[in-house]
Amino acid sequence: MQKFKILIIGKRGGILQWYENLLAAQHQTTTYTIEGFALNHNNNLERTLKKIVPNKDQYTANLLKKKLSTFQPDLILIADLFYFNDYLLQVLKESAAKKVHWIGDFFDERLSKSKDIIDLFCFTDSSFIDDAKKIGIEKSLYLPLAYNPDVFFTSNESKDQRLLFIGAWSADRQALMEKIPLALTIYGKGWDKLTKQNCTIYPHNIKLEKVAELYRKHTFVLNLINKTNIRQGMNMRCFEAPACGCILVSAYVKDLEYAFDVGNEIISFSNPAELAEKLQNTDINPELAMHKVQSCHTYQHRIKTLVEMLLCT
């Protein structure tokens, strides 16, 4: 019997590597056949040609049409926020595959242009479902992000007790960071703007493998939601840090309660002033959250959820 075939559409080389993390599931499961199509470029030749072809959008659409013809997927899973042009919409419309668009950022009314072609919209922030309804999108559900076990895993390395944050700078994150009464180690482009004392700052981006290595070497990993992208959703860090055996220390957002037993599996806070006491007096066993994300929150699990749901409809 032929395996269920899934085509992942996304952007290659994104800072969060959402596309690559989903593609990694192709060797983590024997249940499905998974291949990818990157809208920006799939190889160096494409990357070069897209700089010189007269119509890059049409060129990309033709490449996707060829990929769909040769692979013939049962499911097209689009990861990340894309507003499709008419060329791509026509190619997607012609495909008989089920189509799911999984979105992790604020969006606008342009998204409704594809609502008659996409079978299901999935949002990583539960509040986005109401946003979608306001622009006429009814076929939607909440589907949080996940983690890639090939990159994020635990080890027996000794743990630094200093609070660690790795992530991009934003004004709202800095405002919250300034109020945290603890010394921190911070990695990320733009954090040289921080005026907070008693911090060790590395104001540059680092590779995902280095992020995972640092998580494995720290007990506490800080999570600050970037309010320019989401409202109450969880980012990848919420799953990646526990997968490395850390205790997640997150600014409170409602969606945390859908994944964790807040207070028993992870630490959350609404007031930064309470953080010092919480970290000093915590009796959280990091293995609780680690086992939960391993069993429920990999990208392989997310794909399985979607396939089972679509097969039942």
C-alpha atoms as a PDB file:
ATOM      1  CA  MET A   1       0.000   0.000   0.000  1.00  0.00           C
ATOM      2  CA  GLN A   2       1.370   3.400  -1.003  1.00  0.00           C
ATOM      3  CA  LYS A   3       2.292   5.740   1.833  1.00  0.00           C
ATOM      4  CA  PHE A   4       0.350   8.953   2.376  1.00  0.00           C
ATOM      5  CA  LYS A   5       2.347  11.672   0.629  1.00  0.00           C
ATOM      6  CA  ILE A   6       2.874  15.149   2.077  1.00  0.00           C
ATOM      7  CA  LEU A   7       4.428  18.161   0.375  1.00  0.00           C
ATOM      8  CA  ILE A   8       5.775  20.826   2.752  1.00  0.00           C
ATOM      9  CA  ILE A   9       5.759  24.334   1.287  1.00  0.00           C
ATOM     10  CA  GLY A  10       7.723  27.000   3.119  1.00  0.00           C
ATOM     11  CA  LYS A  11      10.771  29.228   3.125  1.00  0.00           C
ATOM     12  CA  ARG A  12      14.251  27.757   3.172  1.00  0.00           C
ATOM     13  CA  GLY A  13      16.794  29.306   5.540  1.00  0.00           C
ATOM     14  CA  GLY A  14      14.399  31.171   7.824  1.00  0.00           C
ATOM     15  CA  ILE A  15      15.837  32.120  11.199  1.00  0.00           C
ATOM     16  CA  LEU A  16      13.474  29.713  13.003  1.00  0.00           C
ATOM     17  CA  GLN A  17      13.902  26.931  10.404  1.00  0.00           C
ATOM     18  CA  TRP A  18      10.216  25.990  10.520  1.00  0.00           C
ATOM     19  CA  TYR A  19      10.393  24.558   6.997  1.00  0.00           C
ATOM     20  CA  GLU A  20      13.500  22.498   7.780  1.00  0.00           C
ATOM     21  CA  ASN A  21      12.053  21.244  11.067  1.00  0.00           C
ATOM     22  CA  LEU A  22       8.980  19.926   9.283  1.00  0.00           C
ATOM     23  CA  LEU A  23      11.085  18.290   6.583  1.00  0.00           C
ATOM     24  CA  ALA A  24      13.113  16.527   9.276  1.00  0.00           C
ATOM     25  CA  ALA A  25      10.018  14.475  10.052  1.00  0.00           C
ATOM     26  CA  GLN A  26      10.617  12.566   6.808  1.00  0.00           C
ATOM     27  CA  HIS A  27      13.288  10.452   8.516  1.00  0.00           C
ATOM     28  CA  GLN A  28      11.601  10.440  11.938  1.00  0.00           C
ATOM     29  CA  THR A  29       8.573   8.499  10.712  1.00  0.00           C
ATOM     30  CA  THR A  30       7.945   5.593   8.366  1.00  0.00           C
ATOM     31  CA  THR A  31       4.238   6.370   8.120  1.00  0.00           C
ATOM     32  CA  TYR A  32       4.387   9.105   5.472  1.00  0.00           C
ATOM     33  CA  THR A  33       6.428  10.112   2.465  1.00  0.00           C
ATOM     34  CA  ILE A  34       7.437  13.749   2.948  1.00  0.00           C
ATOM     35  CA  GLU A  35       9.066  16.099   0.461  1.00  0.00           C
ATOM     36  CA  GLY A  36       9.516  19.850   0.353  1.00  0.00           C
ATOM     37  CA  PHE A  37       9.160  22.838  -1.948  1.00  0.00           C
ATOM     38  CA  ALA A  38      10.737  26.130  -0.860  1.00  0.00           C
ATOM     39  CA  LEU A  39       9.074  29.234  -2.260  1.00  0.00           C
ATOM     40  CA  ASN A  40      12.285  31.266  -2.083  1.00  0.00           C
ATOM     41  CA  HIS A  41      14.648  28.698  -3.662  1.00  0.00           C
ATOM     42  CA  ASN A  42      15.259  24.947  -3.629  1.00  0.00           C
ATOM     43  CA  ASN A  43      18.860  24.987  -4.861  1.00  0.00           C
ATOM     44  CA  ASN A  44      21.575  27.404  -5.968  1.00  0.00           C
ATOM     45  CA  LEU A  45      20.507  27.270  -9.622  1.00  0.00           C
ATOM     46  CA  GLU A  46      16.990  28.404  -8.743  1.00  0.00           C
ATOM     47  CA  ARG A  47      18.389  31.106  -6.516  1.00  0.00           C
ATOM     48  CA  THR A  48      20.451  32.479  -9.406  1.00  0.00           C
ATOM     49  CA  LEU A  49      17.738  32.205 -12.032  1.00  0.00           C
ATOM     50  CA  LYS A  50      15.203  34.025  -9.866  1.00  0.00           C
ATOM     51  CA  LYS A  51      17.456  37.066 -10.017  1.00  0.00           C
ATOM     52  CA  ILE A  52      17.310  37.241 -13.793  1.00  0.00           C
ATOM     53  CA  VAL A  53      13.993  35.749 -14.980  1.00  0.00           C
ATOM     54  CA  PRO A  54      11.501  38.398 -16.164  1.00  0.00           C
ATOM     55  CA  ASN A  55       8.660  37.135 -13.926  1.00  0.00           C
ATOM     56  CA  LYS A  56       9.866  35.492 -10.719  1.00  0.00           C
ATOM     57  CA  ASP A  57       6.323  34.798  -9.477  1.00  0.00           C
ATOM     58  CA  GLN A  58       5.339  32.924 -12.610  1.00  0.00           C
ATOM     59  CA  TYR A  59       8.653  31.057 -12.618  1.00  0.00           C
ATOM     60  CA  THR A  60       8.071  29.895  -9.030  1.00  0.00           C
ATOM     61  CA  ALA A  61       4.520  28.847  -9.860  1.00  0.00           C
ATOM     62  CA  ASN A  62       5.746  26.773 -12.802  1.00  0.00           C
ATOM     63  CA  LEU A  63       8.275  25.038 -10.566  1.00  0.00           C
ATOM     64  CA  LEU A  64       5.572  24.235  -8.032  1.00  0.00           C
ATOM     65  CA  LYS A  65       3.299  22.900 -10.759  1.00  0.00           C
ATOM     66  CA  LYS A  66       6.066  20.590 -11.934  1.00  0.00           C
ATOM     67  CA  LYS A  67       6.717  19.418  -8.363  1.00  0.00           C
ATOM     68  CA  LEU A  68       3.035  18.664  -7.803  1.00  0.00           C
ATOM     69  CA  SER A  69       2.856  16.770 -11.072  1.00  0.00           C
ATOM     70  CA  THR A  70       5.816  14.526 -10.275  1.00  0.00           C
ATOM     71  CA  PHE A  71       5.193  14.006  -6.541  1.00  0.00           C
ATOM     72  CA  GLN A  72       1.354  14.012  -6.558  1.00  0.00           C
ATOM     73  CA  PRO A  73       0.892  14.635  -2.817  1.00  0.00           C
ATOM     74  CA  ASP A  74      -2.179  13.739  -0.808  1.00  0.00           C
ATOM     75  CA  LEU A  75      -1.606  16.737   1.459  1.00  0.00           C
ATOM     76  CA  ILE A  76       0.018  20.123   0.853  1.00  0.00           C
ATOM     77  CA  LEU A  77       1.131  21.646   4.156  1.00  0.00           C
ATOM     78  CA  ILE A  78       2.087  25.324   3.910  1.00  0.00           C
ATOM     79  CA  ALA A  79       4.135  26.510   6.893  1.00  0.00           C
ATOM     80  CA  ASP A  80       4.448  30.228   7.654  1.00  0.00           C
ATOM     81  CA  LEU A  81       2.527  33.304   6.584  1.00  0.00           C
ATOM     82  CA  PHE A  82       2.365  33.731   2.816  1.00  0.00           C
ATOM     83  CA  TYR A  83      -0.016  35.860   0.749  1.00  0.00           C
ATOM     84  CA  PHE A  84      -0.119  33.933  -2.501  1.00  0.00           C
ATOM     85  CA  ASN A  85      -0.054  35.676  -5.864  1.00  0.00           C
ATOM     86  CA  ASP A  86      -2.473  34.691  -8.634  1.00  0.00           C
ATOM     87  CA  TYR A  87       0.021  32.349 -10.304  1.00  0.00           C
ATOM     88  CA  LEU A  88       0.543  30.278  -7.171  1.00  0.00           C
ATOM     89  CA  LEU A  89      -3.151  30.327  -6.283  1.00  0.00           C
ATOM     90  CA  GLN A  90      -4.018  28.887  -9.677  1.00  0.00           C
ATOM     91  CA  VAL A  91      -1.472  26.086  -9.302  1.00  0.00           C
ATOM     92  CA  LEU A  92      -2.786  25.217  -5.834  1.00  0.00           C
ATOM     93  CA  LYS A  93      -6.362  25.318  -7.112  1.00  0.00           C
ATOM     94  CA  GLU A  94      -5.568  22.782  -9.818  1.00  0.00           C
ATOM     95  CA  SER A  95      -4.132  20.272  -7.336  1.00  0.00           C
ATOM     96  CA  ALA A  96      -6.476  17.587  -5.976  1.00  0.00           C
ATOM     97  CA  ALA A  97      -4.472  17.372  -2.729  1.00  0.00           C
ATOM     98  CA  LYS A  98      -5.883  18.552   0.587  1.00  0.00           C
ATOM     99  CA  LYS A  99      -4.363  21.902   1.509  1.00  0.00           C
ATOM    100  CA  VAL A 100      -3.519  23.187   4.981  1.00  0.00           C
ATOM    101  CA  HIS A 101      -2.004  26.597   5.721  1.00  0.00           C
ATOM    102  CA  TRP A 102      -0.265  26.754   9.131  1.00  0.00           C
ATOM    103  CA  ILE A 103       0.336  30.343  10.261  1.00  0.00           C
ATOM    104  CA  GLY A 104       2.308  31.771  13.181  1.00  0.00           C
ATOM    105  CA  ASP A 105       2.098  35.562  12.772  1.00  0.00           C
ATOM    106  CA  PHE A 106      -0.464  38.333  12.681  1.00  0.00           C
ATOM    107  CA  PHE A 107      -2.136  38.510   9.255  1.00  0.00           C
ATOM    108  CA  ASP A 108      -4.480  40.814   7.387  1.00  0.00           C
ATOM    109  CA  GLU A 109      -7.392  40.585   4.958  1.00  0.00           C
ATOM    110  CA  ARG A 110      -5.092  39.490   2.121  1.00  0.00           C
ATOM    111  CA  LEU A 111      -5.201  36.001   3.621  1.00  0.00           C
ATOM    112  CA  SER A 112      -8.888  35.665   2.678  1.00  0.00           C
ATOM    113  CA  LYS A 113      -7.895  35.587  -0.996  1.00  0.00           C
ATOM    114  CA  SER A 114      -6.997  31.914  -0.603  1.00  0.00           C
ATOM    115  CA  LYS A 115      -9.908  30.828   1.630  1.00  0.00           C
ATOM    116  CA  ASP A 116     -11.737  29.026  -1.191  1.00  0.00           C
ATOM    117  CA  ILE A 117      -8.614  27.026  -2.083  1.00  0.00           C
ATOM    118  CA  ILE A 118      -7.218  26.149   1.354  1.00  0.00           C
ATOM    119  CA  ASP A 119      -9.129  23.341   3.084  1.00  0.00           C
ATOM    120  CA  LEU A 120      -7.974  24.249   6.575  1.00  0.00           C
ATOM    121  CA  PHE A 121      -6.158  27.153   8.210  1.00  0.00           C
ATOM    122  CA  CYS A 122      -4.171  26.394  11.373  1.00  0.00           C
ATOM    123  CA  PHE A 123      -2.959  29.083  13.748  1.00  0.00           C
ATOM    124  CA  THR A 124      -0.252  28.877  16.403  1.00  0.00           C
ATOM    125  CA  ASP A 125      -2.015  31.549  18.473  1.00  0.00           C
ATOM    126  CA  SER A 126      -5.516  30.525  19.580  1.00  0.00           C
ATOM    127  CA  SER A 127      -6.763  34.119  19.394  1.00  0.00           C
ATOM    128  CA  PHE A 128      -6.058  34.175  15.638  1.00  0.00           C
ATOM    129  CA  ILE A 129      -9.144  32.024  15.032  1.00  0.00           C
ATOM    130  CA  ASP A 130     -11.347  35.011  15.866  1.00  0.00           C
ATOM    131  CA  ASP A 131      -9.183  37.248  13.666  1.00  0.00           C
ATOM    132  CA  ALA A 132      -9.716  34.811  10.791  1.00  0.00           C
ATOM    133  CA  LYS A 133     -13.488  34.817  11.229  1.00  0.00           C
ATOM    134  CA  LYS A 134     -13.508  38.593  10.901  1.00  0.00           C
ATOM    135  CA  ILE A 135     -12.136  38.290   7.349  1.00  0.00           C
ATOM    136  CA  GLY A 136     -14.423  35.432   6.346  1.00  0.00           C
ATOM    137  CA  ILE A 137     -12.225  32.411   7.166  1.00  0.00           C
ATOM    138  CA  GLU A 138     -14.278  29.781   8.999  1.00  0.00           C
ATOM    139  CA  LYS A 139     -12.293  26.578   8.393  1.00  0.00           C
ATOM    140  CA  SER A 140      -9.628  26.987  11.059  1.00  0.00           C
ATOM    141  CA  LEU A 141      -8.221  25.465  14.218  1.00  0.00           C
ATOM    142  CA  TYR A 142      -5.533  26.051  16.840  1.00  0.00           C
ATOM    143  CA  LEU A 143      -2.316  24.120  16.199  1.00  0.00           C
ATOM    144  CA  PRO A 144       0.699  25.179  18.301  1.00  0.00           C
ATOM    145  CA  LEU A 145       4.292  25.058  17.169  1.00  0.00           C
ATOM    146  CA  ALA A 146       6.564  22.162  18.145  1.00  0.00           C
ATOM    147  CA  TYR A 147      10.235  21.145  18.231  1.00  0.00           C
ATOM    148  CA  ASN A 148      12.684  19.079  16.210  1.00  0.00           C
ATOM    149  CA  PRO A 149      14.196  16.234  18.304  1.00  0.00           C
ATOM    150  CA  ASP A 150      17.149  15.988  15.911  1.00  0.00           C
ATOM    151  CA  VAL A 151      18.368  19.356  17.208  1.00  0.00           C
ATOM    152  CA  PHE A 152      16.871  19.746  20.688  1.00  0.00           C
ATOM    153  CA  PHE A 153      17.544  16.928  23.136  1.00  0.00           C
ATOM    154  CA  THR A 154      18.807  16.454  26.659  1.00  0.00           C
ATOM    155  CA  SER A 155      22.306  15.527  27.851  1.00  0.00           C
ATOM    156  CA  ASN A 156      24.226  14.995  31.096  1.00  0.00           C
ATOM    157  CA  GLU A 157      26.132  18.287  30.870  1.00  0.00           C
ATOM    158  CA  SER A 158      26.460  20.345  34.048  1.00  0.00           C
ATOM    159  CA  LYS A 159      23.912  23.141  34.336  1.00  0.00           C
ATOM    160  CA  ASP A 160      24.513  26.868  34.764  1.00  0.00           C
ATOM    161  CA  GLN A 161      21.944  28.418  37.146  1.00  0.00           C
ATOM    162  CA  ARG A 162      22.067  31.821  35.435  1.00  0.00           C
ATOM    163  CA  LEU A 163      18.872  32.721  33.566  1.00  0.00           C
ATOM    164  CA  LEU A 164      19.384  32.393  29.789  1.00  0.00           C
ATOM    165  CA  PHE A 165      17.552  34.190  27.000  1.00  0.00           C
ATOM    166  CA  ILE A 166      18.167  33.610  23.287  1.00  0.00           C
ATOM    167  CA  GLY A 167      16.048  35.552  20.832  1.00  0.00           C
ATOM    168  CA  ALA A 168      15.640  38.608  18.681  1.00  0.00           C
ATOM    169  CA  TRP A 169      15.442  42.076  20.205  1.00  0.00           C
ATOM    170  CA  SER A 170      12.132  43.910  20.218  1.00  0.00           C
ATOM    171  CA  ALA A 171      11.015  47.012  22.087  1.00  0.00           C
ATOM    172  CA  ASP A 172       8.380  45.169  24.134  1.00  0.00           C
ATOM    173  CA  ARG A 173      10.855  42.450  25.056  1.00  0.00           C
ATOM    174  CA  GLN A 174      13.410  45.035  26.189  1.00  0.00           C
ATOM    175  CA  ALA A 175      10.828  46.863  28.316  1.00  0.00           C
ATOM    176  CA  LEU A 176      10.066  43.624  30.145  1.00  0.00           C
ATOM    177  CA  MET A 177      13.702  42.550  30.363  1.00  0.00           C
ATOM    178  CA  GLU A 178      14.674  45.814  32.080  1.00  0.00           C
ATOM    179  CA  LYS A 179      12.288  44.963  34.946  1.00  0.00           C
ATOM    180  CA  ILE A 180      13.647  41.484  35.662  1.00  0.00           C
ATOM    181  CA  PRO A 181      15.625  41.670  38.954  1.00  0.00           C
ATOM    182  CA  LEU A 182      18.118  38.982  37.983  1.00  0.00           C
ATOM    183  CA  ALA A 183      21.406  38.657  36.161  1.00  0.00           C
ATOM    184  CA  LEU A 184      20.968  37.188  32.690  1.00  0.00           C
ATOM    185  CA  THR A 185      22.943  35.782  29.812  1.00  0.00           C
ATOM    186  CA  ILE A 186      21.488  37.067  26.539  1.00  0.00           C
ATOM    187  CA  TYR A 187      22.131  36.086  22.922  1.00  0.00           C
ATOM    188  CA  GLY A 188      20.549  37.853  19.958  1.00  0.00           C
ATOM    189  CA  LYS A 189      20.982  40.634  17.467  1.00  0.00           C
ATOM    190  CA  GLY A 190      20.076  44.054  18.834  1.00  0.00           C
ATOM    191  CA  TRP A 191      20.452  43.342  22.533  1.00  0.00           C
ATOM    192  CA  ASP A 192      23.354  45.773  22.833  1.00  0.00           C
ATOM    193  CA  LYS A 193      20.528  48.324  23.252  1.00  0.00           C
ATOM    194  CA  LEU A 194      19.772  46.885  26.692  1.00  0.00           C
ATOM    195  CA  THR A 195      20.743  49.208  29.551  1.00  0.00           C
ATOM    196  CA  LYS A 196      20.089  46.677  32.313  1.00  0.00           C
ATOM    197  CA  GLN A 197      23.096  46.064  34.539  1.00  0.00           C
ATOM    198  CA  ASN A 198      24.517  42.695  35.529  1.00  0.00           C
ATOM    199  CA  CYS A 199      23.898  41.034  32.147  1.00  0.00           C
ATOM    200  CA  THR A 200      26.259  39.213  29.841  1.00  0.00           C
ATOM    201  CA  ILE A 201      25.201  40.095  26.301  1.00  0.00           C
ATOM    202  CA  TYR A 202      26.198  38.550  22.974  1.00  0.00           C
ATOM    203  CA  PRO A 203      24.457  40.881  20.476  1.00  0.00           C
ATOM    204  CA  HIS A 204      24.454  38.583  17.461  1.00  0.00           C
ATOM    205  CA  ASN A 205      22.447  35.672  16.117  1.00  0.00           C
ATOM    206  CA  ILE A 206      23.673  32.118  16.615  1.00  0.00           C
ATOM    207  CA  LYS A 207      22.935  28.876  14.800  1.00  0.00           C
ATOM    208  CA  LEU A 208      20.145  26.611  15.998  1.00  0.00           C
ATOM    209  CA  GLU A 209      22.590  23.893  17.016  1.00  0.00           C
ATOM    210  CA  LYS A 210      24.365  26.410  19.268  1.00  0.00           C
ATOM    211  CA  VAL A 211      21.009  27.425  20.766  1.00  0.00           C
ATOM    212  CA  ALA A 212      20.314  23.800  21.672  1.00  0.00           C
ATOM    213  CA  GLU A 213      23.807  23.410  23.130  1.00  0.00           C
ATOM    214  CA  LEU A 214      23.304  26.441  25.378  1.00  0.00           C
ATOM    215  CA  TYR A 215      19.905  25.163  26.500  1.00  0.00           C
ATOM    216  CA  ARG A 216      21.500  21.868  27.522  1.00  0.00           C
ATOM    217  CA  LYS A 217      23.992  23.802  29.658  1.00  0.00           C
ATOM    218  CA  HIS A 218      21.443  25.919  31.552  1.00  0.00           C
ATOM    219  CA  THR A 219      18.783  25.145  34.141  1.00  0.00           C
ATOM    220  CA  PHE A 220      16.477  28.090  33.422  1.00  0.00           C
ATOM    221  CA  VAL A 221      15.533  29.418  29.970  1.00  0.00           C
ATOM    222  CA  LEU A 222      13.590  32.669  29.766  1.00  0.00           C
ATOM    223  CA  ASN A 223      10.784  33.081  27.256  1.00  0.00           C
ATOM    224  CA  LEU A 224       9.479  36.544  26.344  1.00  0.00           C
ATOM    225  CA  ILE A 225       6.680  36.712  23.788  1.00  0.00           C
ATOM    226  CA  ASN A 226       7.265  39.094  20.877  1.00  0.00           C
ATOM    227  CA  LYS A 227       3.994  41.008  20.827  1.00  0.00           C
ATOM    228  CA  THR A 228       4.694  42.331  17.337  1.00  0.00           C
ATOM    229  CA  ASN A 229       4.038  38.807  15.979  1.00  0.00           C
ATOM    230  CA  ILE A 230       1.599  37.102  18.332  1.00  0.00           C
ATOM    231  CA  ARG A 231      -0.905  37.867  21.070  1.00  0.00           C
ATOM    232  CA  GLN A 232      -1.210  34.834  23.350  1.00  0.00           C
ATOM    233  CA  GLY A 233       0.511  32.006  21.470  1.00  0.00           C
ATOM    234  CA  MET A 234       3.572  29.935  22.256  1.00  0.00           C
ATOM    235  CA  ASN A 235       6.765  30.245  20.231  1.00  0.00           C
ATOM    236  CA  MET A 236       9.122  27.357  19.411  1.00  0.00           C
ATOM    237  CA  ARG A 237      11.204  28.096  22.509  1.00  0.00           C
ATOM    238  CA  CYS A 238       8.311  26.918  24.678  1.00  0.00           C
ATOM    239  CA  PHE A 239       8.921  23.374  23.401  1.00  0.00           C
ATOM    240  CA  GLU A 240      12.609  23.471  22.485  1.00  0.00           C
ATOM    241  CA  ALA A 241      13.864  24.481  25.937  1.00  0.00           C
ATOM    242  CA  PRO A 242      11.983  21.750  27.864  1.00  0.00           C
ATOM    243  CA  ALA A 243      13.145  19.207  25.265  1.00  0.00           C
ATOM    244  CA  CYS A 244      16.726  20.000  26.354  1.00  0.00           C
ATOM    245  CA  GLY A 245      15.905  19.358  30.015  1.00  0.00           C
ATOM    246  CA  CYS A 246      15.563  23.037  30.981  1.00  0.00           C
ATOM    247  CA  ILE A 247      12.940  24.660  33.138  1.00  0.00           C
ATOM    248  CA  LEU A 248      10.985  27.058  30.944  1.00  0.00           C
ATOM    249  CA  VAL A 249      10.490  30.458  32.604  1.00  0.00           C
ATOM    250  CA  SER A 250       7.871  32.205  30.509  1.00  0.00           C
ATOM    251  CA  ALA A 251       5.960  35.425  30.577  1.00  0.00           C
ATOM    252  CA  TYR A 252       2.368  34.297  30.961  1.00  0.00           C
ATOM    253  CA  VAL A 253       0.189  33.843  27.905  1.00  0.00           C
ATOM    254  CA  LYS A 254      -3.077  31.920  27.817  1.00  0.00           C
ATOM    255  CA  ASP A 255      -1.929  29.267  25.347  1.00  0.00           C
ATOM    256  CA  LEU A 256       0.681  27.952  27.803  1.00  0.00           C
ATOM    257  CA  GLU A 257      -2.187  26.268  29.615  1.00  0.00           C
ATOM    258  CA  TYR A 258      -3.045  24.190  26.534  1.00  0.00           C
ATOM    259  CA  ALA A 259       0.382  22.506  26.591  1.00  0.00           C
ATOM    260  CA  PHE A 260       1.615  22.541  30.193  1.00  0.00           C
ATOM    261  CA  ASP A 261       0.565  22.265  33.792  1.00  0.00           C
ATOM    262  CA  VAL A 262       1.666  25.817  34.554  1.00  0.00           C
ATOM    263  CA  GLY A 263       3.346  26.052  37.948  1.00  0.00           C
ATOM    264  CA  ASN A 264       4.096  22.345  38.136  1.00  0.00           C
ATOM    265  CA  GLU A 265       5.843  21.738  34.798  1.00  0.00           C
ATOM    266  CA  ILE A 266       7.000  25.240  33.891  1.00  0.00           C
ATOM    267  CA  ILE A 267       7.351  28.615  35.614  1.00  0.00           C
ATOM    268  CA  SER A 268       5.269  31.522  34.385  1.00  0.00           C
ATOM    269  CA  PHE A 269       5.120  35.096  35.574  1.00  0.00           C
ATOM    270  CA  SER A 270       3.033  38.184  35.028  1.00  0.00           C
ATOM    271  CA  ASN A 271       5.135  40.443  37.227  1.00  0.00           C
ATOM    272  CA  PRO A 272       8.936  40.315  36.635  1.00  0.00           C
ATOM    273  CA  ALA A 273       9.541  41.303  40.274  1.00  0.00           C
ATOM    274  CA  GLU A 274       8.343  37.875  41.432  1.00  0.00           C
ATOM    275  CA  LEU A 275      10.856  35.974  39.314  1.00  0.00           C
ATOM    276  CA  ALA A 276      13.755  35.889  41.776  1.00  0.00           C
ATOM    277  CA  GLU A 277      11.652  34.230  44.468  1.00  0.00           C
ATOM    278  CA  LYS A 278      10.094  31.799  42.009  1.00  0.00           C
ATOM    279  CA  LEU A 279      13.453  30.603  40.712  1.00  0.00           C
ATOM    280  CA  GLN A 280      14.965  30.268  44.178  1.00  0.00           C
ATOM    281  CA  ASN A 281      12.039  28.332  45.625  1.00  0.00           C
ATOM    282  CA  THR A 282      10.992  26.192  42.682  1.00  0.00           C
ATOM    283  CA  ASP A 283      10.598  22.450  43.110  1.00  0.00           C
ATOM    284  CA  ILE A 284       9.774  21.821  39.458  1.00  0.00           C
ATOM    285  CA  ASN A 285      11.204  18.634  38.011  1.00  0.00           C
ATOM    286  CA  PRO A 286      12.308  19.503  34.445  1.00  0.00           C
ATOM    287  CA  GLU A 287      11.736  15.912  33.356  1.00  0.00           C
ATOM    288  CA  LEU A 288       7.963  16.423  33.589  1.00  0.00           C
ATOM    289  CA  ALA A 289       7.857  18.998  30.787  1.00  0.00           C
ATOM    290  CA  MET A 290      10.617  17.190  28.898  1.00  0.00           C
ATOM    291  CA  HIS A 291       8.655  13.936  28.745  1.00  0.00           C
ATOM    292  CA  LYS A 292       5.500  15.815  27.767  1.00  0.00           C
ATOM    293  CA  VAL A 293       7.061  17.595  24.800  1.00  0.00           C
ATOM    294  CA  GLN A 294       8.773  14.404  23.685  1.00  0.00           C
ATOM    295  CA  SER A 295       5.480  12.520  23.652  1.00  0.00           C
ATOM    296  CA  CYS A 296       3.142  15.235  22.353  1.00  0.00           C
ATOM    297  CA  HIS A 297       4.930  18.206  20.806  1.00  0.00           C
ATOM    298  CA  THR A 298       7.255  17.187  17.980  1.00  0.00           C
ATOM    299  CA  TYR A 299       6.605  18.216  14.378  1.00  0.00           C
ATOM    300  CA  GLN A 300       6.005  14.553  13.636  1.00  0.00           C
ATOM    301  CA  HIS A 301       3.091  14.670  16.101  1.00  0.00           C
ATOM    302  CA  ARG A 302       1.689  17.809  14.470  1.00  0.00           C
ATOM    303  CA  ILE A 303       1.740  16.187  11.025  1.00  0.00           C
ATOM    304  CA  LYS A 304       0.071  13.059  12.410  1.00  0.00           C
ATOM    305  CA  THR A 305      -2.675  15.191  13.953  1.00  0.00           C
ATOM    306  CA  LEU A 306      -3.387  16.919  10.645  1.00  0.00           C
ATOM    307  CA  VAL A 307      -3.387  13.731   8.581  1.00  0.00           C
ATOM    308  CA  GLU A 308      -5.729  11.935  10.960  1.00  0.00           C
ATOM    309  CA  MET A 309      -8.067  14.903  11.013  1.00  0.00           C
ATOM    310  CA  LEU A 310      -8.158  15.249   7.243  1.00  0.00           C
ATOM    311  CA  LEU A 311      -8.684  11.512   6.712  1.00  0.00           C
ATOM    312  CA  CYS A 312     -11.730  11.666   8.966  1.00  0.00           C
ATOM    313  CA  THR A 313     -13.392  14.454   6.966  1.00  0.00           C
END
